Amino acid sequence: FACAEAMLESLGFRVFNPLKNGLPWDSPTHRHMRRDLNILTNEEDPFDYIFMMERWPHSAGCKLELDNATACGIGVFFEECFDISNPIAFK
């Protein structure tokens, strides 16, 4: 997560790292998911894109975030398709 965060920030993206959502690491998964989805879909400070790291299909939380982002019109970058030289090509 930290490497993806640093790479995206270096490209000028505003990044929310779900591991830094303000909850204790050992909080129940449902609390983390509620917090993450609330931040992702906040109407006052919306995100334009989500970044799906390579192993996202192995995470129920990532699948939920993808479904919510898609339903809310938030763009999606997939790590395996991400072109660091032209990141907006997937708009």
PDB file of N, CA and C in Angstrom:
ATOM      1  N   PHE A   1       0.814  -1.190   0.000  1.00  0.00           N
ATOM      2  CA  PHE A   1       0.000   0.000   0.000  1.00  0.00           C
ATOM      3  C   PHE A   1       0.860   1.256   0.000  1.00  0.00           C
ATOM      4  N   ALA A   2       1.913   1.253   0.780  1.00  0.00           N
ATOM      5  CA  ALA A   2       2.770   2.433   0.880  1.00  0.00           C
ATOM      6  C   ALA A   2       3.447   2.746  -0.451  1.00  0.00           C
ATOM      7  N   CYS A   3       3.881   1.720  -1.185  1.00  0.00           N
ATOM      8  CA  CYS A   3       4.532   1.943  -2.486  1.00  0.00           C
ATOM      9  C   CYS A   3       3.544   2.523  -3.490  1.00  0.00           C
ATOM     10  N   ALA A   4       2.336   1.973  -3.526  1.00  0.00           N
ATOM     11  CA  ALA A   4       1.313   2.487  -4.448  1.00  0.00           C
ATOM     12  C   ALA A   4       0.961   3.918  -4.075  1.00  0.00           C
ATOM     13  N   GLU A   5       0.833   4.195  -2.788  1.00  0.00           N
ATOM     14  CA  GLU A   5       0.533   5.547  -2.318  1.00  0.00           C
ATOM     15  C   GLU A   5       1.616   6.532  -2.772  1.00  0.00           C
ATOM     16  N   ALA A   6       2.870   6.185  -2.560  1.00  0.00           N
ATOM     17  CA  ALA A   6       3.981   7.067  -2.941  1.00  0.00           C
ATOM     18  C   ALA A   6       4.028   7.284  -4.445  1.00  0.00           C
ATOM     19  N   MET A   7       3.819   6.233  -5.225  1.00  0.00           N
ATOM     20  CA  MET A   7       3.854   6.349  -6.682  1.00  0.00           C
ATOM     21  C   MET A   7       2.742   7.268  -7.177  1.00  0.00           C
ATOM     22  N   LEU A   8       1.533   7.087  -6.680  1.00  0.00           N
ATOM     23  CA  LEU A   8       0.403   7.905  -7.121  1.00  0.00           C
ATOM     24  C   LEU A   8       0.570   9.358  -6.687  1.00  0.00           C
ATOM     25  N   GLU A   9       1.067   9.583  -5.474  1.00  0.00           N
ATOM     26  CA  GLU A   9       1.326  10.951  -5.022  1.00  0.00           C
ATOM     27  C   GLU A   9       2.400  11.618  -5.871  1.00  0.00           C
ATOM     28  N   SER A  10       3.411  10.867  -6.280  1.00  0.00           N
ATOM     29  CA  SER A  10       4.469  11.438  -7.118  1.00  0.00           C
ATOM     30  C   SER A  10       3.937  11.859  -8.484  1.00  0.00           C
ATOM     31  N   LEU A  11       2.818  11.276  -8.898  1.00  0.00           N
ATOM     32  CA  LEU A  11       2.183  11.640 -10.168  1.00  0.00           C
ATOM     33  C   LEU A  11       1.169  12.765 -10.004  1.00  0.00           C
ATOM     34  N   GLY A  12       1.010  13.249  -8.768  1.00  0.00           N
ATOM     35  CA  GLY A  12       0.129  14.378  -8.518  1.00  0.00           C
ATOM     36  C   GLY A  12      -1.280  14.022  -8.071  1.00  0.00           C
ATOM     37  N   PHE A  13      -1.540  12.750  -7.813  1.00  0.00           N
ATOM     38  CA  PHE A  13      -2.856  12.349  -7.341  1.00  0.00           C
ATOM     39  C   PHE A  13      -2.985  12.598  -5.842  1.00  0.00           C
ATOM     40  N   ARG A  14      -4.169  12.978  -5.415  1.00  0.00           N
ATOM     41  CA  ARG A  14      -4.507  13.019  -3.990  1.00  0.00           C
ATOM     42  C   ARG A  14      -4.884  11.589  -3.629  1.00  0.00           C
ATOM     43  N   VAL A  15      -4.240  11.036  -2.616  1.00  0.00           N
ATOM     44  CA  VAL A  15      -4.374   9.606  -2.323  1.00  0.00           C
ATOM     45  C   VAL A  15      -4.973   9.391  -0.933  1.00  0.00           C
ATOM     46  N   PHE A  16      -5.927   8.476  -0.868  1.00  0.00           N
ATOM     47  CA  PHE A  16      -6.413   7.973   0.403  1.00  0.00           C
ATOM     48  C   PHE A  16      -5.970   6.521   0.499  1.00  0.00           C
ATOM     49  N   ASN A  17      -5.130   6.235   1.467  1.00  0.00           N
ATOM     50  CA  ASN A  17      -4.663   4.883   1.713  1.00  0.00           C
ATOM     51  C   ASN A  17      -5.595   4.268   2.750  1.00  0.00           C
ATOM     52  N   PRO A  18      -6.350   3.211   2.410  1.00  0.00           N
ATOM     53  CA  PRO A  18      -7.308   2.651   3.364  1.00  0.00           C
ATOM     54  C   PRO A  18      -6.661   2.099   4.638  1.00  0.00           C
ATOM     55  N   LEU A  19      -5.367   1.894   4.613  1.00  0.00           N
ATOM     56  CA  LEU A  19      -4.694   1.469   5.843  1.00  0.00           C
ATOM     57  C   LEU A  19      -4.490   2.635   6.801  1.00  0.00           C
ATOM     58  N   LYS A  20      -4.793   3.839   6.321  1.00  0.00           N
ATOM     59  CA  LYS A  20      -4.650   5.048   7.143  1.00  0.00           C
ATOM     60  C   LYS A  20      -6.013   5.735   7.300  1.00  0.00           C
ATOM     61  N   ASN A  21      -7.036   4.943   7.595  1.00  0.00           N
ATOM     62  CA  ASN A  21      -8.384   5.496   7.679  1.00  0.00           C
ATOM     63  C   ASN A  21      -8.740   6.025   9.063  1.00  0.00           C
ATOM     64  N   GLY A  22      -7.793   6.027   9.990  1.00  0.00           N
ATOM     65  CA  GLY A  22      -8.015   6.573  11.312  1.00  0.00           C
ATOM     66  C   GLY A  22      -8.516   5.576  12.337  1.00  0.00           C
ATOM     67  N   LEU A  23      -8.825   4.371  11.925  1.00  0.00           N
ATOM     68  CA  LEU A  23      -9.279   3.343  12.857  1.00  0.00           C
ATOM     69  C   LEU A  23      -8.095   2.495  13.314  1.00  0.00           C
ATOM     70  N   PRO A  24      -8.179   1.950  14.519  1.00  0.00           N
ATOM     71  CA  PRO A  24      -7.140   1.015  14.944  1.00  0.00           C
ATOM     72  C   PRO A  24      -7.081  -0.182  13.991  1.00  0.00           C
ATOM     73  N   TRP A  25      -5.884  -0.683  13.766  1.00  0.00           N
ATOM     74  CA  TRP A  25      -5.667  -1.794  12.834  1.00  0.00           C
ATOM     75  C   TRP A  25      -6.565  -2.988  13.148  1.00  0.00           C
ATOM     76  N   ASP A  26      -6.806  -3.244  14.437  1.00  0.00           N
ATOM     77  CA  ASP A  26      -7.558  -4.427  14.818  1.00  0.00           C
ATOM     78  C   ASP A  26      -9.070  -4.195  14.928  1.00  0.00           C
ATOM     79  N   SER A  27      -9.554  -3.069  14.422  1.00  0.00           N
ATOM     80  CA  SER A  27     -11.003  -2.839  14.398  1.00  0.00           C
ATOM     81  C   SER A  27     -11.658  -3.873  13.494  1.00  0.00           C
ATOM     82  N   PRO A  28     -12.923  -4.191  13.749  1.00  0.00           N
ATOM     83  CA  PRO A  28     -13.612  -5.170  12.911  1.00  0.00           C
ATOM     84  C   PRO A  28     -13.657  -4.733  11.444  1.00  0.00           C
ATOM     85  N   THR A  29     -13.615  -5.705  10.570  1.00  0.00           N
ATOM     86  CA  THR A  29     -13.606  -5.437   9.130  1.00  0.00           C
ATOM     87  C   THR A  29     -14.776  -4.560   8.716  1.00  0.00           C
ATOM     88  N   HIS A  30     -15.955  -4.817   9.266  1.00  0.00           N
ATOM     89  CA  HIS A  30     -17.118  -4.024   8.854  1.00  0.00           C
ATOM     90  C   HIS A  30     -16.946  -2.541   9.194  1.00  0.00           C
ATOM     91  N   ARG A  31     -16.248  -2.223  10.278  1.00  0.00           N
ATOM     92  CA  ARG A  31     -15.991  -0.806  10.609  1.00  0.00           C
ATOM     93  C   ARG A  31     -15.025  -0.190   9.605  1.00  0.00           C
ATOM     94  N   HIS A  32     -13.984  -0.940   9.229  1.00  0.00           N
ATOM     95  CA  HIS A  32     -13.049  -0.436   8.213  1.00  0.00           C
ATOM     96  C   HIS A  32     -13.776  -0.199   6.891  1.00  0.00           C
ATOM     97  N   MET A  33     -14.616  -1.125   6.486  1.00  0.00           N
ATOM     98  CA  MET A  33     -15.319  -0.981   5.216  1.00  0.00           C
ATOM     99  C   MET A  33     -16.252   0.221   5.236  1.00  0.00           C
ATOM    100  N   ARG A  34     -16.982   0.412   6.310  1.00  0.00           N
ATOM    101  CA  ARG A  34     -17.876   1.569   6.401  1.00  0.00           C
ATOM    102  C   ARG A  34     -17.084   2.877   6.311  1.00  0.00           C
ATOM    103  N   ARG A  35     -15.977   2.930   7.029  1.00  0.00           N
ATOM    104  CA  ARG A  35     -15.151   4.144   6.999  1.00  0.00           C
ATOM    105  C   ARG A  35     -14.606   4.380   5.590  1.00  0.00           C
ATOM    106  N   ASP A  36     -14.053   3.333   4.979  1.00  0.00           N
ATOM    107  CA  ASP A  36     -13.462   3.477   3.641  1.00  0.00           C
ATOM    108  C   ASP A  36     -14.496   3.912   2.612  1.00  0.00           C
ATOM    109  N   LEU A  37     -15.668   3.299   2.627  1.00  0.00           N
ATOM    110  CA  LEU A  37     -16.711   3.645   1.658  1.00  0.00           C
ATOM    111  C   LEU A  37     -17.244   5.049   1.905  1.00  0.00           C
ATOM    112  N   ASN A  38     -17.331   5.443   3.160  1.00  0.00           N
ATOM    113  CA  ASN A  38     -17.761   6.795   3.478  1.00  0.00           C
ATOM    114  C   ASN A  38     -16.779   7.816   2.914  1.00  0.00           C
ATOM    115  N   ILE A  39     -15.503   7.568   3.096  1.00  0.00           N
ATOM    116  CA  ILE A  39     -14.468   8.480   2.574  1.00  0.00           C
ATOM    117  C   ILE A  39     -14.488   8.481   1.048  1.00  0.00           C
ATOM    118  N   LEU A  40     -14.582   7.317   0.444  1.00  0.00           N
ATOM    119  CA  LEU A  40     -14.563   7.196  -1.012  1.00  0.00           C
ATOM    120  C   LEU A  40     -15.714   7.956  -1.665  1.00  0.00           C
ATOM    121  N   THR A  41     -16.889   7.913  -1.063  1.00  0.00           N
ATOM    122  CA  THR A  41     -18.087   8.475  -1.702  1.00  0.00           C
ATOM    123  C   THR A  41     -18.551   9.776  -1.065  1.00  0.00           C
ATOM    124  N   ASN A  42     -17.722  10.420  -0.270  1.00  0.00           N
ATOM    125  CA  ASN A  42     -18.065  11.683   0.382  1.00  0.00           C
ATOM    126  C   ASN A  42     -18.369  12.750  -0.671  1.00  0.00           C
ATOM    127  N   GLU A  43     -19.596  13.245  -0.686  1.00  0.00           N
ATOM    128  CA  GLU A  43     -20.008  14.224  -1.699  1.00  0.00           C
ATOM    129  C   GLU A  43     -19.278  15.552  -1.574  1.00  0.00           C
ATOM    130  N   GLU A  44     -18.869  15.935  -0.364  1.00  0.00           N
ATOM    131  CA  GLU A  44     -18.191  17.221  -0.177  1.00  0.00           C
ATOM    132  C   GLU A  44     -16.736  17.187  -0.646  1.00  0.00           C
ATOM    133  N   ASP A  45     -16.136  16.017  -0.675  1.00  0.00           N
ATOM    134  CA  ASP A  45     -14.728  15.899  -1.053  1.00  0.00           C
ATOM    135  C   ASP A  45     -14.533  14.596  -1.834  1.00  0.00           C
ATOM    136  N   PRO A  46     -15.149  14.507  -3.013  1.00  0.00           N
ATOM    137  CA  PRO A  46     -15.164  13.221  -3.732  1.00  0.00           C
ATOM    138  C   PRO A  46     -13.817  12.850  -4.347  1.00  0.00           C
ATOM    139  N   PHE A  47     -13.641  11.560  -4.490  1.00  0.00           N
ATOM    140  CA  PHE A  47     -12.481  11.046  -5.213  1.00  0.00           C
ATOM    141  C   PHE A  47     -12.898  10.778  -6.654  1.00  0.00           C
ATOM    142  N   ASP A  48     -11.991  11.004  -7.590  1.00  0.00           N
ATOM    143  CA  ASP A  48     -12.279  10.806  -9.003  1.00  0.00           C
ATOM    144  C   ASP A  48     -11.945   9.399  -9.471  1.00  0.00           C
ATOM    145  N   TYR A  49     -11.004   8.748  -8.786  1.00  0.00           N
ATOM    146  CA  TYR A  49     -10.526   7.429  -9.203  1.00  0.00           C
ATOM    147  C   TYR A  49     -10.247   6.556  -7.988  1.00  0.00           C
ATOM    148  N   ILE A  50     -10.281   5.256  -8.211  1.00  0.00           N
ATOM    149  CA  ILE A  50      -9.711   4.314  -7.260  1.00  0.00           C
ATOM    150  C   ILE A  50      -8.626   3.539  -8.003  1.00  0.00           C
ATOM    151  N   PHE A  51      -7.694   3.030  -7.236  1.00  0.00           N
ATOM    152  CA  PHE A  51      -6.571   2.271  -7.794  1.00  0.00           C
ATOM    153  C   PHE A  51      -6.648   0.861  -7.240  1.00  0.00           C
ATOM    154  N   MET A  52      -6.871  -0.096  -8.130  1.00  0.00           N
ATOM    155  CA  MET A  52      -6.997  -1.488  -7.724  1.00  0.00           C
ATOM    156  C   MET A  52      -5.632  -2.161  -7.869  1.00  0.00           C
ATOM    157  N   MET A  53      -5.047  -2.504  -6.727  1.00  0.00           N
ATOM    158  CA  MET A  53      -3.744  -3.158  -6.757  1.00  0.00           C
ATOM    159  C   MET A  53      -3.875  -4.568  -7.327  1.00  0.00           C
ATOM    160  N   GLU A  54      -2.771  -5.105  -7.783  1.00  0.00           N
ATOM    161  CA  GLU A  54      -2.747  -6.337  -8.565  1.00  0.00           C
ATOM    162  C   GLU A  54      -3.544  -7.491  -7.961  1.00  0.00           C
ATOM    163  N   ARG A  55      -3.518  -7.665  -6.677  1.00  0.00           N
ATOM    164  CA  ARG A  55      -4.187  -8.827  -6.067  1.00  0.00           C
ATOM    165  C   ARG A  55      -5.602  -8.512  -5.574  1.00  0.00           C
ATOM    166  N   TRP A  56      -6.216  -7.444  -6.100  1.00  0.00           N
ATOM    167  CA  TRP A  56      -7.537  -7.036  -5.640  1.00  0.00           C
ATOM    168  C   TRP A  56      -8.599  -8.136  -5.727  1.00  0.00           C
ATOM    169  N   PRO A  57      -8.572  -9.050  -6.722  1.00  0.00           N
ATOM    170  CA  PRO A  57      -9.637 -10.060  -6.778  1.00  0.00           C
ATOM    171  C   PRO A  57      -9.660 -10.997  -5.569  1.00  0.00           C
ATOM    172  N   HIS A  58      -8.601 -10.990  -4.770  1.00  0.00           N
ATOM    173  CA  HIS A  58      -8.522 -11.865  -3.605  1.00  0.00           C
ATOM    174  C   HIS A  58      -9.086 -11.211  -2.341  1.00  0.00           C
ATOM    175  N   SER A  59      -9.647 -10.000  -2.474  1.00  0.00           N
ATOM    176  CA  SER A  59     -10.137  -9.254  -1.316  1.00  0.00           C
ATOM    177  C   SER A  59     -11.609  -8.910  -1.477  1.00  0.00           C
ATOM    178  N   ALA A  60     -12.430  -9.390  -0.546  1.00  0.00           N
ATOM    179  CA  ALA A  60     -13.860  -9.049  -0.570  1.00  0.00           C
ATOM    180  C   ALA A  60     -14.047  -7.539  -0.427  1.00  0.00           C
ATOM    181  N   GLY A  61     -13.203  -6.903   0.390  1.00  0.00           N
ATOM    182  CA  GLY A  61     -13.295  -5.456   0.565  1.00  0.00           C
ATOM    183  C   GLY A  61     -12.999  -4.704  -0.711  1.00  0.00           C
ATOM    184  N   CYS A  62     -11.995  -5.127  -1.446  1.00  0.00           N
ATOM    185  CA  CYS A  62     -11.660  -4.477  -2.713  1.00  0.00           C
ATOM    186  C   CYS A  62     -12.798  -4.629  -3.723  1.00  0.00           C
ATOM    187  N   LYS A  63     -13.406  -5.802  -3.743  1.00  0.00           N
ATOM    188  CA  LYS A  63     -14.537  -6.022  -4.653  1.00  0.00           C
ATOM    189  C   LYS A  63     -15.691  -5.083  -4.307  1.00  0.00           C
ATOM    190  N   LEU A  64     -15.951  -4.904  -3.033  1.00  0.00           N
ATOM    191  CA  LEU A  64     -17.003  -3.998  -2.593  1.00  0.00           C
ATOM    192  C   LEU A  64     -16.672  -2.556  -2.960  1.00  0.00           C
ATOM    193  N   GLU A  65     -15.423  -2.155  -2.758  1.00  0.00           N
ATOM    194  CA  GLU A  65     -15.004  -0.805  -3.134  1.00  0.00           C
ATOM    195  C   GLU A  65     -15.139  -0.588  -4.640  1.00  0.00           C
ATOM    196  N   LEU A  66     -14.765  -1.584  -5.429  1.00  0.00           N
ATOM    197  CA  LEU A  66     -14.898  -1.484  -6.879  1.00  0.00           C
ATOM    198  C   LEU A  66     -16.365  -1.340  -7.282  1.00  0.00           C
ATOM    199  N   ASP A  67     -17.231  -2.154  -6.717  1.00  0.00           N
ATOM    200  CA  ASP A  67     -18.660  -2.065  -7.037  1.00  0.00           C
ATOM    201  C   ASP A  67     -19.222  -0.696  -6.676  1.00  0.00           C
ATOM    202  N   ASN A  68     -18.860  -0.178  -5.520  1.00  0.00           N
ATOM    203  CA  ASN A  68     -19.347   1.129  -5.098  1.00  0.00           C
ATOM    204  C   ASN A  68     -18.791   2.246  -5.971  1.00  0.00           C
ATOM    205  N   ALA A  69     -17.526   2.181  -6.289  1.00  0.00           N
ATOM    206  CA  ALA A  69     -16.929   3.208  -7.144  1.00  0.00           C
ATOM    207  C   ALA A  69     -17.601   3.213  -8.514  1.00  0.00           C
ATOM    208  N   THR A  70     -17.797   2.050  -9.077  1.00  0.00           N
ATOM    209  CA  THR A  70     -18.433   1.950 -10.389  1.00  0.00           C
ATOM    210  C   THR A  70     -19.854   2.515 -10.336  1.00  0.00           C
ATOM    211  N   ALA A  71     -20.606   2.153  -9.303  1.00  0.00           N
ATOM    212  CA  ALA A  71     -21.982   2.627  -9.155  1.00  0.00           C
ATOM    213  C   ALA A  71     -22.047   4.144  -8.967  1.00  0.00           C
ATOM    214  N   CYS A  72     -21.004   4.720  -8.388  1.00  0.00           N
ATOM    215  CA  CYS A  72     -20.986   6.157  -8.103  1.00  0.00           C
ATOM    216  C   CYS A  72     -20.276   6.977  -9.185  1.00  0.00           C
ATOM    217  N   GLY A  73     -19.880   6.346 -10.269  1.00  0.00           N
ATOM    218  CA  GLY A  73     -19.228   7.070 -11.365  1.00  0.00           C
ATOM    219  C   GLY A  73     -17.783   7.431 -11.100  1.00  0.00           C
ATOM    220  N   ILE A  74     -17.141   6.728 -10.206  1.00  0.00           N
ATOM    221  CA  ILE A  74     -15.728   6.960  -9.905  1.00  0.00           C
ATOM    222  C   ILE A  74     -14.900   6.091 -10.845  1.00  0.00           C
ATOM    223  N   GLY A  75     -13.896   6.684 -11.482  1.00  0.00           N
ATOM    224  CA  GLY A  75     -13.045   5.951 -12.404  1.00  0.00           C
ATOM    225  C   GLY A  75     -12.188   4.917 -11.695  1.00  0.00           C
ATOM    226  N   VAL A  76     -11.716   3.959 -12.463  1.00  0.00           N
ATOM    227  CA  VAL A  76     -10.937   2.860 -11.883  1.00  0.00           C
ATOM    228  C   VAL A  76      -9.644   2.684 -12.661  1.00  0.00           C
ATOM    229  N   PHE A  77      -8.537   2.649 -11.942  1.00  0.00           N
ATOM    230  CA  PHE A  77      -7.250   2.270 -12.498  1.00  0.00           C
ATOM    231  C   PHE A  77      -6.910   0.882 -11.952  1.00  0.00           C
ATOM    232  N   PHE A  78      -6.497  -0.007 -12.827  1.00  0.00           N
ATOM    233  CA  PHE A  78      -6.033  -1.332 -12.402  1.00  0.00           C
ATOM    234  C   PHE A  78      -4.519  -1.351 -12.514  1.00  0.00           C
ATOM    235  N   GLU A  79      -3.857  -1.755 -11.463  1.00  0.00           N
ATOM    236  CA  GLU A  79      -2.393  -1.736 -11.419  1.00  0.00           C
ATOM    237  C   GLU A  79      -1.788  -2.447 -12.620  1.00  0.00           C
ATOM    238  N   GLU A  80      -2.351  -3.589 -13.003  1.00  0.00           N
ATOM    239  CA  GLU A  80      -1.769  -4.362 -14.099  1.00  0.00           C
ATOM    240  C   GLU A  80      -1.898  -3.658 -15.451  1.00  0.00           C
ATOM    241  N   CYS A  81      -2.758  -2.628 -15.547  1.00  0.00           N
ATOM    242  CA  CYS A  81      -2.943  -1.884 -16.798  1.00  0.00           C
ATOM    243  C   CYS A  81      -2.440  -0.449 -16.691  1.00  0.00           C
ATOM    244  N   PHE A  82      -1.953  -0.051 -15.537  1.00  0.00           N
ATOM    245  CA  PHE A  82      -1.597   1.333 -15.269  1.00  0.00           C
ATOM    246  C   PHE A  82      -0.312   1.702 -15.986  1.00  0.00           C
ATOM    247  N   ASP A  83      -0.369   2.753 -16.769  1.00  0.00           N
ATOM    248  CA  ASP A  83       0.802   3.245 -17.509  1.00  0.00           C
ATOM    249  C   ASP A  83       1.322   4.475 -16.780  1.00  0.00           C
ATOM    250  N   ILE A  84       2.394   4.310 -16.042  1.00  0.00           N
ATOM    251  CA  ILE A  84       2.932   5.419 -15.236  1.00  0.00           C
ATOM    252  C   ILE A  84       3.321   6.623 -16.092  1.00  0.00           C
ATOM    253  N   SER A  85       3.641   6.414 -17.364  1.00  0.00           N
ATOM    254  CA  SER A  85       4.022   7.518 -18.240  1.00  0.00           C
ATOM    255  C   SER A  85       2.806   8.282 -18.748  1.00  0.00           C
ATOM    256  N   ASN A  86       1.621   7.673 -18.673  1.00  0.00           N
ATOM    257  CA  ASN A  86       0.403   8.332 -19.125  1.00  0.00           C
ATOM    258  C   ASN A  86      -0.778   7.842 -18.291  1.00  0.00           C
ATOM    259  N   PRO A  87      -0.804   8.191 -16.994  1.00  0.00           N
ATOM    260  CA  PRO A  87      -1.785   7.612 -16.096  1.00  0.00           C
ATOM    261  C   PRO A  87      -3.236   7.953 -16.407  1.00  0.00           C
ATOM    262  N   ILE A  88      -3.488   9.043 -17.075  1.00  0.00           N
ATOM    263  CA  ILE A  88      -4.867   9.449 -17.341  1.00  0.00           C
ATOM    264  C   ILE A  88      -5.405   8.796 -18.607  1.00  0.00           C
ATOM    265  N   ALA A  89      -4.613   7.986 -19.255  1.00  0.00           N
ATOM    266  CA  ALA A  89      -5.054   7.316 -20.481  1.00  0.00           C
ATOM    267  C   ALA A  89      -6.255   6.420 -20.235  1.00  0.00           C
ATOM    268  N   PHE A  90      -6.490   6.054 -18.984  1.00  0.00           N
ATOM    269  CA  PHE A  90      -7.597   5.131 -18.674  1.00  0.00           C
ATOM    270  C   PHE A  90      -8.850   5.867 -18.224  1.00  0.00           C
ATOM    271  N   LYS A  91      -8.904   7.183 -18.428  1.00  0.00           N
ATOM    272  CA  LYS A  91     -10.036   7.988 -17.998  1.00  0.00           C
ATOM    273  C   LYS A  91     -11.323   7.464 -18.590  1.00  0.00           C
TER     274      LYS A  91
END
